[in-house]
N, C-alpha and C. Protein backbone atom coordinates (compact mmCIF):
# COMPACT_ATOMS: atom_id res chain seq x y z
N MET A 1 59.23 -101.19 -213.68
CA MET A 1 58.15 -101.61 -212.64
C MET A 1 56.80 -100.79 -213.01
N ARG A 2 57.32 -99.35 -213.24
CA ARG A 2 56.04 -98.51 -213.43
C ARG A 2 55.33 -98.83 -214.69
N ASN A 3 56.00 -99.11 -215.70
CA ASN A 3 55.28 -99.49 -216.97
C ASN A 3 54.41 -100.87 -216.94
N ALA A 4 55.05 -101.85 -215.97
CA ALA A 4 54.38 -103.15 -215.68
C ALA A 4 53.08 -102.72 -215.01
N LEU A 5 53.09 -101.91 -214.07
CA LEU A 5 51.92 -101.44 -213.23
C LEU A 5 50.91 -100.83 -214.30
N LEU A 6 51.30 -99.74 -215.18
CA LEU A 6 50.44 -99.22 -216.13
C LEU A 6 49.76 -100.30 -217.03
N LEU A 7 50.67 -101.15 -217.56
CA LEU A 7 50.14 -102.30 -218.51
C LEU A 7 49.12 -103.13 -217.74
N GLY A 8 49.41 -103.39 -216.61
CA GLY A 8 48.56 -104.24 -215.75
C GLY A 8 47.01 -103.52 -215.39
N GLY A 9 47.14 -102.23 -215.22
CA GLY A 9 46.00 -101.47 -214.96
C GLY A 9 45.26 -101.28 -216.25
N PHE A 10 45.86 -101.16 -217.46
CA PHE A 10 45.32 -100.97 -218.68
C PHE A 10 44.59 -102.26 -219.14
N ALA A 11 45.31 -103.42 -218.84
CA ALA A 11 44.81 -104.73 -219.17
C ALA A 11 43.41 -104.93 -218.13
N THR A 12 43.35 -104.48 -216.88
CA THR A 12 42.28 -104.62 -216.16
C THR A 12 40.96 -103.83 -216.65
N VAL A 13 41.22 -102.67 -217.03
CA VAL A 13 40.25 -101.72 -217.72
C VAL A 13 39.81 -102.38 -218.90
N ILE A 14 40.45 -102.99 -219.74
CA ILE A 14 40.05 -103.69 -220.99
C ILE A 14 39.18 -104.81 -220.70
N ALA A 15 39.73 -105.58 -219.64
CA ALA A 15 38.92 -106.89 -219.30
C ALA A 15 37.48 -106.51 -218.70
N ILE A 16 37.50 -105.48 -217.91
CA ILE A 16 36.15 -105.07 -217.30
C ILE A 16 35.21 -104.58 -218.44
N ALA A 17 35.74 -103.76 -219.47
CA ALA A 17 35.01 -103.35 -220.51
C ALA A 17 34.69 -104.40 -221.31
N ALA A 18 35.39 -105.42 -221.60
CA ALA A 18 35.07 -106.57 -222.38
C ALA A 18 33.75 -107.28 -221.73
N LEU A 19 34.03 -107.54 -220.36
CA LEU A 19 32.94 -108.11 -219.47
C LEU A 19 31.72 -107.48 -219.73
N ALA A 20 31.77 -106.18 -219.53
CA ALA A 20 30.49 -105.17 -219.70
C ALA A 20 29.76 -105.45 -220.96
N VAL A 21 30.60 -105.33 -221.87
CA VAL A 21 30.12 -105.43 -223.47
C VAL A 21 29.37 -106.84 -223.50
N SER A 22 30.11 -107.94 -223.01
CA SER A 22 29.49 -109.27 -223.30
C SER A 22 28.22 -109.41 -222.35
N ILE A 23 28.06 -108.76 -221.32
CA ILE A 23 26.92 -108.87 -220.53
C ILE A 23 25.73 -108.19 -221.27
N ILE A 24 26.17 -107.01 -221.67
CA ILE A 24 25.11 -106.24 -222.38
C ILE A 24 24.68 -106.91 -223.71
N ALA A 25 25.76 -107.71 -224.36
CA ALA A 25 25.20 -108.30 -225.46
C ALA A 25 24.30 -109.71 -225.28
N MET A 26 24.56 -110.20 -224.09
CA MET A 26 23.63 -111.36 -223.75
C MET A 26 22.35 -110.81 -223.37
N LEU A 27 22.15 -109.65 -222.73
CA LEU A 27 20.81 -109.16 -222.27
C LEU A 27 19.99 -108.56 -223.41
N ALA A 28 20.70 -107.90 -224.56
CA ALA A 28 20.14 -107.32 -225.40
C ALA A 28 19.72 -108.29 -226.57
N PRO A 29 18.52 -108.09 -227.08
CA PRO A 29 18.02 -109.01 -228.16
C PRO A 29 18.91 -108.63 -229.36
N ALA A 30 19.19 -109.71 -230.17
CA ALA A 30 19.94 -109.37 -231.51
C ALA A 30 18.81 -109.25 -232.63
N GLY A 31 18.93 -107.93 -233.19
CA GLY A 31 17.93 -107.71 -234.18
C GLY A 31 16.50 -107.45 -233.68
N GLU A 32 15.59 -107.79 -234.33
CA GLU A 32 14.12 -107.68 -234.10
C GLU A 32 13.83 -108.65 -232.98
N SER A 33 13.16 -108.13 -231.86
CA SER A 33 12.75 -109.26 -230.90
C SER A 33 11.16 -109.33 -230.97
N SER A 34 10.64 -110.51 -230.77
CA SER A 34 9.31 -110.73 -230.74
C SER A 34 8.75 -110.57 -229.36
N ASP A 35 7.29 -110.46 -229.19
CA ASP A 35 6.73 -110.39 -227.88
C ASP A 35 7.21 -111.53 -226.93
N ASN A 36 7.16 -112.77 -227.60
CA ASN A 36 7.54 -113.91 -226.75
C ASN A 36 8.99 -113.96 -226.34
N ASP A 37 9.96 -113.18 -226.99
CA ASP A 37 11.53 -112.93 -226.62
C ASP A 37 11.13 -112.12 -225.25
N ALA A 38 10.48 -110.99 -225.36
CA ALA A 38 10.51 -110.22 -224.23
C ALA A 38 9.67 -110.85 -223.13
N ASP A 39 8.69 -111.84 -223.38
CA ASP A 39 8.08 -112.52 -222.25
C ASP A 39 9.13 -113.33 -221.65
N VAL A 40 9.96 -114.03 -222.33
CA VAL A 40 10.75 -114.97 -221.70
C VAL A 40 11.91 -114.21 -220.84
N THR A 41 12.30 -113.03 -221.41
CA THR A 41 13.32 -112.24 -220.56
C THR A 41 12.71 -111.70 -219.29
N LEU A 42 11.23 -111.40 -219.48
CA LEU A 42 10.60 -110.89 -218.25
C LEU A 42 10.39 -112.05 -217.24
N HIS A 43 10.00 -113.29 -217.75
CA HIS A 43 9.82 -114.38 -216.70
C HIS A 43 11.07 -114.63 -215.97
N LEU A 44 12.27 -114.63 -216.64
CA LEU A 44 13.43 -114.88 -216.00
C LEU A 44 14.10 -113.80 -215.06
N ALA A 45 13.62 -112.44 -215.60
CA ALA A 45 14.08 -111.30 -214.94
C ALA A 45 13.41 -111.02 -213.58
N ASP A 46 12.24 -111.10 -213.66
CA ASP A 46 11.29 -110.78 -212.47
C ASP A 46 9.90 -111.47 -212.47
N ARG A 47 9.87 -112.70 -211.86
CA ARG A 47 8.80 -113.54 -211.90
C ARG A 47 7.45 -112.78 -211.17
N GLY A 48 7.76 -112.10 -210.15
CA GLY A 48 6.85 -111.18 -209.58
C GLY A 48 6.27 -110.27 -210.39
N GLU A 49 7.11 -109.49 -211.17
CA GLU A 49 6.49 -108.50 -212.09
C GLU A 49 5.60 -109.19 -213.23
N PHE A 50 6.03 -110.21 -213.83
CA PHE A 50 5.38 -110.99 -214.82
C PHE A 50 4.03 -111.40 -214.28
N THR A 51 3.98 -111.85 -212.88
CA THR A 51 2.65 -112.30 -212.39
C THR A 51 1.74 -111.09 -212.32
N VAL A 52 2.21 -109.92 -211.78
CA VAL A 52 1.46 -108.94 -211.62
C VAL A 52 0.69 -108.38 -212.96
N GLU A 53 1.70 -108.52 -213.95
CA GLU A 53 1.28 -108.10 -215.33
C GLU A 53 0.16 -109.10 -215.90
N MET A 54 0.32 -110.37 -215.56
CA MET A 54 -0.61 -111.31 -215.96
C MET A 54 -2.18 -110.88 -215.45
N VAL A 55 -2.31 -110.56 -213.92
CA VAL A 55 -3.45 -110.08 -213.53
C VAL A 55 -3.97 -108.92 -213.99
N LEU A 56 -3.06 -107.93 -214.12
CA LEU A 56 -3.46 -106.51 -214.66
C LEU A 56 -4.08 -106.81 -216.16
N ASN A 57 -3.35 -107.57 -216.90
CA ASN A 57 -3.87 -107.88 -218.33
C ASN A 57 -5.28 -108.64 -218.14
N ALA A 58 -5.49 -109.48 -217.24
CA ALA A 58 -6.89 -110.10 -217.23
C ALA A 58 -7.92 -109.01 -216.89
N ILE A 59 -7.52 -108.01 -215.92
CA ILE A 59 -8.53 -107.17 -215.69
C ILE A 59 -8.84 -106.21 -217.03
N GLU A 60 -7.70 -105.83 -217.54
CA GLU A 60 -7.90 -105.09 -218.90
C GLU A 60 -8.76 -105.79 -219.79
N ARG A 61 -8.58 -107.07 -219.97
CA ARG A 61 -9.66 -107.90 -220.79
C ARG A 61 -10.96 -107.95 -220.35
N TYR A 62 -11.10 -108.08 -219.07
CA TYR A 62 -12.42 -107.90 -218.47
C TYR A 62 -13.12 -106.54 -218.55
N GLU A 63 -12.36 -105.63 -218.65
CA GLU A 63 -12.89 -104.16 -218.73
C GLU A 63 -13.29 -103.90 -220.35
N SER A 64 -12.51 -104.50 -221.25
CA SER A 64 -12.70 -104.25 -222.60
C SER A 64 -13.58 -105.37 -223.35
N GLU A 65 -13.70 -106.60 -222.82
CA GLU A 65 -14.35 -107.68 -223.34
C GLU A 65 -15.63 -108.18 -222.65
N GLY A 66 -15.60 -107.85 -221.23
CA GLY A 66 -16.62 -108.28 -220.48
C GLY A 66 -16.29 -109.58 -219.71
N ARG A 67 -17.22 -109.75 -218.82
CA ARG A 67 -17.04 -110.98 -217.73
C ARG A 67 -17.05 -112.25 -218.60
N GLU A 68 -18.11 -112.45 -219.38
CA GLU A 68 -18.10 -113.87 -220.01
C GLU A 68 -16.97 -114.31 -220.96
N ALA A 69 -16.66 -113.25 -221.90
CA ALA A 69 -15.43 -113.45 -222.68
C ALA A 69 -14.06 -113.65 -221.99
N THR A 70 -14.02 -112.94 -220.90
CA THR A 70 -12.75 -113.13 -219.89
C THR A 70 -12.74 -114.47 -219.22
N VAL A 71 -13.86 -114.83 -218.66
CA VAL A 71 -13.85 -116.01 -217.88
C VAL A 71 -13.64 -117.18 -218.99
N ASN A 72 -14.25 -117.07 -220.25
CA ASN A 72 -13.89 -118.15 -221.28
C ASN A 72 -12.54 -118.21 -221.66
N TYR A 73 -11.82 -117.04 -221.88
CA TYR A 73 -10.57 -117.13 -222.34
C TYR A 73 -9.68 -117.68 -221.31
N TYR A 74 -9.81 -117.32 -219.95
CA TYR A 74 -8.99 -117.85 -218.90
C TYR A 74 -9.50 -119.34 -218.46
N ASN A 75 -10.36 -119.89 -219.04
CA ASN A 75 -10.74 -121.28 -218.93
C ASN A 75 -10.30 -121.99 -220.10
N SER A 76 -9.38 -121.50 -220.95
CA SER A 76 -8.88 -122.18 -222.34
C SER A 76 -7.41 -122.41 -222.10
N PRO A 77 -7.01 -123.40 -222.71
CA PRO A 77 -5.51 -123.66 -222.74
C PRO A 77 -4.71 -122.51 -223.53
N GLU A 78 -5.14 -121.65 -224.33
CA GLU A 78 -4.18 -120.70 -224.96
C GLU A 78 -4.08 -119.51 -223.92
N SER A 79 -4.62 -119.51 -222.76
CA SER A 79 -4.43 -118.43 -221.82
C SER A 79 -3.36 -118.82 -220.92
N VAL A 80 -2.84 -120.03 -220.94
CA VAL A 80 -1.64 -120.56 -220.05
C VAL A 80 -0.47 -120.09 -220.62
N ASP A 81 0.56 -119.58 -219.90
CA ASP A 81 1.64 -119.32 -220.33
C ASP A 81 2.88 -120.05 -219.51
N GLY A 82 3.13 -121.35 -219.76
CA GLY A 82 4.08 -122.10 -218.84
C GLY A 82 3.46 -122.33 -217.58
N GLU A 83 3.94 -122.06 -216.43
CA GLU A 83 3.44 -122.19 -215.17
C GLU A 83 2.49 -121.04 -214.79
N TRP A 84 2.45 -120.06 -215.58
CA TRP A 84 1.53 -119.00 -215.29
C TRP A 84 0.19 -119.07 -216.09
N TYR A 85 -0.88 -118.96 -215.16
CA TYR A 85 -2.18 -119.01 -215.57
C TYR A 85 -2.91 -118.02 -214.70
N VAL A 86 -4.20 -117.45 -215.13
CA VAL A 86 -4.97 -116.55 -214.31
C VAL A 86 -6.12 -117.29 -213.71
N PHE A 87 -6.35 -117.01 -212.38
CA PHE A 87 -7.63 -117.77 -211.90
C PHE A 87 -8.50 -116.54 -211.50
N ILE A 88 -9.90 -116.92 -211.52
CA ILE A 88 -10.84 -115.82 -211.04
C ILE A 88 -11.85 -116.43 -210.18
N PHE A 89 -12.24 -115.79 -209.08
CA PHE A 89 -13.31 -116.18 -208.20
C PHE A 89 -14.33 -115.10 -208.26
N ASP A 90 -15.55 -115.64 -208.36
CA ASP A 90 -16.71 -114.79 -208.25
C ASP A 90 -17.07 -114.23 -206.97
N GLU A 91 -18.15 -113.42 -206.97
CA GLU A 91 -18.56 -112.74 -205.70
C GLU A 91 -18.92 -113.59 -204.48
N ALA A 92 -19.32 -114.89 -204.85
CA ALA A 92 -19.59 -115.90 -203.84
C ALA A 92 -18.36 -116.66 -203.50
N ASP A 93 -17.23 -116.21 -204.05
CA ASP A 93 -15.89 -117.05 -203.70
C ASP A 93 -15.78 -118.25 -204.31
N LYS A 94 -16.58 -118.49 -205.51
CA LYS A 94 -16.49 -119.68 -206.27
C LYS A 94 -15.41 -119.61 -207.37
N LEU A 95 -14.64 -120.49 -207.74
CA LEU A 95 -13.97 -120.50 -209.02
C LEU A 95 -14.36 -120.47 -210.13
N ILE A 96 -14.38 -119.55 -211.05
CA ILE A 96 -15.08 -119.57 -212.24
C ILE A 96 -14.10 -119.63 -213.50
N ALA A 97 -12.77 -119.24 -213.08
CA ALA A 97 -11.84 -119.34 -214.19
C ALA A 97 -10.46 -119.99 -213.71
N HIS A 98 -9.92 -120.99 -214.37
CA HIS A 98 -8.77 -121.77 -213.92
C HIS A 98 -8.13 -122.61 -215.04
N ALA A 99 -6.91 -122.78 -214.95
CA ALA A 99 -6.21 -123.66 -216.04
C ALA A 99 -6.73 -125.03 -215.94
N ASP A 100 -7.20 -125.53 -214.80
CA ASP A 100 -7.62 -126.81 -214.43
C ASP A 100 -9.06 -127.01 -214.48
N PRO A 101 -9.63 -127.25 -215.47
CA PRO A 101 -11.32 -127.40 -215.48
C PRO A 101 -11.87 -128.09 -214.21
N ASN A 102 -11.20 -129.04 -213.58
CA ASN A 102 -11.60 -129.86 -212.56
C ASN A 102 -11.83 -128.95 -211.28
N GLN A 103 -11.08 -127.83 -211.28
CA GLN A 103 -11.20 -126.98 -210.09
C GLN A 103 -12.40 -126.13 -210.13
N LEU A 104 -12.97 -125.80 -211.31
CA LEU A 104 -14.09 -124.90 -211.55
C LEU A 104 -15.21 -125.23 -210.45
N GLY A 105 -15.97 -124.09 -209.86
CA GLY A 105 -16.92 -124.27 -209.02
C GLY A 105 -16.49 -124.51 -207.57
N ARG A 106 -15.42 -124.76 -207.28
CA ARG A 106 -14.94 -124.97 -205.97
C ARG A 106 -14.93 -123.51 -205.16
N ASP A 107 -15.04 -123.63 -203.87
CA ASP A 107 -15.27 -122.45 -202.97
C ASP A 107 -13.82 -122.29 -202.30
N LEU A 108 -13.43 -120.97 -202.44
CA LEU A 108 -12.12 -120.47 -201.77
C LEU A 108 -12.24 -120.76 -200.33
N LYS A 109 -13.37 -120.51 -199.85
CA LYS A 109 -13.68 -120.65 -198.32
C LYS A 109 -13.51 -121.97 -197.74
N GLY A 110 -13.65 -123.13 -198.91
CA GLY A 110 -13.78 -124.37 -198.56
C GLY A 110 -12.31 -125.03 -198.62
N ASP A 111 -12.30 -126.45 -198.79
CA ASP A 111 -11.05 -127.11 -198.93
C ASP A 111 -10.08 -126.61 -200.02
N LEU A 112 -10.45 -125.99 -201.16
CA LEU A 112 -9.54 -125.40 -202.10
C LEU A 112 -8.90 -124.46 -201.46
N GLY A 113 -9.13 -123.67 -200.55
CA GLY A 113 -8.45 -122.75 -199.76
C GLY A 113 -7.66 -122.96 -198.80
N VAL A 114 -7.31 -124.30 -198.58
CA VAL A 114 -6.38 -124.97 -197.65
C VAL A 114 -5.29 -125.76 -198.25
N ASP A 115 -4.18 -125.55 -198.07
CA ASP A 115 -3.12 -126.29 -198.65
C ASP A 115 -2.86 -127.62 -197.95
N SER A 116 -1.76 -128.36 -198.51
CA SER A 116 -1.60 -129.72 -197.92
C SER A 116 -0.83 -129.56 -196.53
N ALA A 117 -0.55 -128.54 -196.15
CA ALA A 117 0.15 -128.21 -194.80
C ALA A 117 -0.92 -127.82 -193.81
N GLY A 118 -2.26 -127.57 -194.21
CA GLY A 118 -3.28 -127.05 -193.36
C GLY A 118 -3.42 -125.58 -193.38
N TYR A 119 -2.52 -124.76 -194.09
CA TYR A 119 -2.59 -123.32 -194.20
C TYR A 119 -3.80 -122.80 -194.87
N ARG A 120 -4.62 -122.00 -194.20
CA ARG A 120 -5.95 -121.36 -194.90
C ARG A 120 -5.52 -120.32 -195.75
N PHE A 121 -5.09 -120.37 -196.91
CA PHE A 121 -4.55 -119.28 -197.75
C PHE A 121 -5.77 -118.59 -198.29
N GLY A 122 -6.89 -119.44 -198.46
CA GLY A 122 -8.13 -118.84 -199.00
C GLY A 122 -8.56 -117.73 -198.26
N ASP A 123 -8.54 -117.85 -196.97
CA ASP A 123 -8.94 -116.75 -195.96
C ASP A 123 -8.06 -115.53 -196.18
N VAL A 124 -6.82 -115.68 -196.35
CA VAL A 124 -5.85 -114.67 -196.72
C VAL A 124 -6.24 -113.97 -198.03
N MET A 125 -6.33 -114.76 -199.17
CA MET A 125 -6.78 -114.22 -200.51
C MET A 125 -8.09 -113.38 -200.33
N LEU A 126 -9.08 -113.77 -199.68
CA LEU A 126 -10.21 -113.06 -199.53
C LEU A 126 -10.19 -111.66 -198.88
N THR A 127 -9.07 -111.40 -198.25
CA THR A 127 -8.78 -110.00 -197.66
C THR A 127 -8.15 -109.13 -198.81
N ALA A 128 -7.99 -109.52 -199.98
CA ALA A 128 -7.43 -108.79 -200.89
C ALA A 128 -8.26 -107.57 -201.37
N ASP A 129 -7.71 -106.42 -201.77
CA ASP A 129 -8.59 -105.28 -202.18
C ASP A 129 -8.03 -104.95 -203.50
N ASN A 130 -8.27 -103.66 -204.06
CA ASN A 130 -8.08 -103.32 -205.27
C ASN A 130 -6.47 -102.92 -205.41
N ARG A 131 -5.70 -103.00 -204.24
CA ARG A 131 -4.40 -102.75 -204.30
C ARG A 131 -3.55 -103.95 -204.44
N GLY A 132 -4.16 -105.18 -204.25
CA GLY A 132 -3.60 -106.34 -204.27
C GLY A 132 -2.82 -106.91 -203.21
N LEU A 133 -2.44 -108.28 -203.05
CA LEU A 133 -1.68 -108.66 -202.08
C LEU A 133 -1.05 -109.98 -202.52
N TRP A 134 0.13 -110.30 -201.98
CA TRP A 134 0.78 -111.66 -202.17
C TRP A 134 0.44 -112.45 -201.17
N VAL A 135 0.28 -113.89 -201.68
CA VAL A 135 -0.19 -114.96 -200.66
C VAL A 135 0.77 -116.02 -201.18
N ASP A 136 1.51 -116.81 -200.18
CA ASP A 136 2.35 -117.95 -200.57
C ASP A 136 1.63 -119.19 -199.85
N TYR A 137 1.65 -120.20 -200.71
CA TYR A 137 1.07 -121.37 -200.22
C TYR A 137 1.43 -122.59 -200.97
N LEU A 138 1.19 -124.04 -200.54
CA LEU A 138 1.41 -125.08 -201.36
C LEU A 138 0.01 -125.20 -202.27
N PHE A 139 0.46 -125.69 -203.57
CA PHE A 139 -0.68 -125.96 -204.52
C PHE A 139 0.12 -126.80 -205.72
N LEU A 140 -0.88 -127.63 -206.27
CA LEU A 140 -0.45 -128.52 -207.38
C LEU A 140 0.00 -127.71 -208.46
N ASN A 141 1.12 -127.88 -208.83
CA ASN A 141 1.78 -127.51 -210.23
C ASN A 141 1.34 -128.26 -211.37
N LEU A 142 0.51 -127.56 -212.15
CA LEU A 142 -0.18 -128.41 -213.22
C LEU A 142 0.94 -129.03 -214.32
N GLU A 143 2.08 -128.17 -214.44
CA GLU A 143 3.26 -128.58 -215.22
C GLU A 143 3.94 -130.04 -214.78
N THR A 144 4.21 -130.10 -213.52
CA THR A 144 4.98 -130.98 -213.06
C THR A 144 4.24 -132.21 -212.12
N GLY A 145 3.03 -131.86 -211.79
CA GLY A 145 1.95 -132.78 -211.15
C GLY A 145 2.43 -132.87 -209.53
N ASN A 146 3.29 -132.07 -209.24
CA ASN A 146 3.92 -131.92 -207.76
C ASN A 146 3.13 -130.94 -207.02
N GLN A 147 3.08 -131.00 -205.69
CA GLN A 147 2.60 -130.04 -204.67
C GLN A 147 4.10 -129.20 -204.60
N GLU A 148 3.86 -127.84 -204.89
CA GLU A 148 5.00 -126.91 -204.93
C GLU A 148 4.54 -125.75 -204.25
N TYR A 149 5.56 -124.85 -203.85
CA TYR A 149 5.23 -123.63 -203.19
C TYR A 149 4.89 -122.48 -204.10
N LYS A 150 3.69 -122.03 -203.91
CA LYS A 150 3.11 -121.08 -205.01
C LYS A 150 3.11 -119.66 -204.47
N HIS A 151 3.75 -118.72 -205.37
CA HIS A 151 3.72 -117.28 -204.91
C HIS A 151 2.58 -116.61 -205.76
N ALA A 152 1.41 -116.27 -205.21
CA ALA A 152 0.40 -115.75 -206.04
C ALA A 152 0.06 -114.40 -205.70
N TRP A 153 -0.30 -113.43 -206.52
CA TRP A 153 -0.74 -112.24 -206.52
C TRP A 153 -2.25 -112.01 -206.71
N VAL A 154 -3.02 -111.62 -205.84
CA VAL A 154 -4.54 -111.44 -206.07
C VAL A 154 -4.81 -110.01 -205.91
N LEU A 155 -6.06 -109.75 -206.62
CA LEU A 155 -6.48 -108.41 -206.70
C LEU A 155 -7.92 -108.45 -206.71
N ARG A 156 -8.80 -107.74 -205.94
CA ARG A 156 -10.10 -107.53 -206.22
C ARG A 156 -10.51 -106.50 -207.07
N HIS A 157 -11.29 -106.89 -207.97
CA HIS A 157 -11.80 -105.82 -208.86
C HIS A 157 -13.19 -106.15 -209.32
N ASP A 158 -14.08 -105.29 -209.14
CA ASP A 158 -15.53 -105.27 -209.62
C ASP A 158 -16.15 -106.56 -208.93
N GLY A 159 -15.77 -106.79 -207.68
CA GLY A 159 -16.36 -107.86 -206.96
C GLY A 159 -15.75 -109.38 -207.17
N LEU A 160 -14.94 -109.18 -208.19
CA LEU A 160 -14.22 -110.54 -208.64
C LEU A 160 -12.86 -110.67 -207.97
N LEU A 161 -12.15 -111.72 -207.70
CA LEU A 161 -10.86 -111.93 -207.24
C LEU A 161 -10.18 -112.53 -208.36
N PHE A 162 -9.09 -111.62 -208.93
CA PHE A 162 -8.23 -111.97 -210.12
C PHE A 162 -6.94 -112.51 -209.36
N GLY A 163 -6.26 -113.67 -209.96
CA GLY A 163 -4.98 -113.97 -209.34
C GLY A 163 -4.02 -114.63 -210.29
N SER A 164 -2.89 -114.86 -210.04
CA SER A 164 -1.80 -115.61 -210.86
C SER A 164 -0.62 -115.84 -209.96
N GLY A 165 0.16 -116.66 -210.35
CA GLY A 165 1.40 -116.93 -209.52
C GLY A 165 2.46 -117.73 -210.26
N TRP A 166 3.46 -118.12 -209.56
CA TRP A 166 4.56 -118.81 -209.94
C TRP A 166 4.87 -119.92 -208.93
N TYR A 167 5.59 -120.94 -209.31
CA TYR A 167 5.92 -122.07 -208.39
C TYR A 167 7.36 -122.16 -208.23
N GLN A 168 7.79 -122.52 -206.78
CA GLN A 168 9.03 -122.48 -206.54
C GLN A 168 9.17 -124.18 -205.89
N ILE A 169 10.04 -124.91 -206.41
CA ILE A 169 10.31 -126.29 -206.21
C ILE A 169 10.99 -126.05 -204.80
N LEU A 170 10.55 -126.89 -203.81
CA LEU A 170 10.99 -126.88 -202.55
C LEU A 170 12.12 -128.23 -202.48
N PRO A 171 13.21 -127.90 -201.66
CA PRO A 171 14.10 -129.02 -201.60
C PRO A 171 13.52 -129.97 -200.79
N ASP A 172 13.95 -131.39 -201.02
CA ASP A 172 13.54 -132.36 -200.20
C ASP A 172 14.13 -132.36 -198.84
N LEU A 173 13.48 -132.57 -197.88
CA LEU A 173 13.95 -132.45 -196.42
C LEU A 173 14.12 -133.87 -195.96
């Protein structure tokens, strides 16, 4: 009986170790990993962290390349990463950079800043400072063409409002 308990305990330890090794193997990249592999892992691991990183990268670009180059880049398709894109509002709260060129020039204090449920998320975004803030609202997902719940992080820098976010598909009610 004692040997059976020992063998059972030993088998449990081996099973746990095998499980741990397989989890580590799934999470660790095999061989050399590209930046895209790291991005995919980060997307899945922490969408909020990736969103903040997108905004901080946009501010770094702004600081190193200037306003015009930054706005041009974030108005181009190559700046879009799946559902992630950066949007930028100028000092007059007009949209100057966005993945959808049809949105450019719209005012965050106007109808652009009100979602389909009537929530005035634009007013909340305008309170952002250099520490940033999260704002949740309904917005058109360019990938799916549907109104979806968007989690956006916005940060005020040098008079401009930089933001990005991700979408959460809501269940049908």
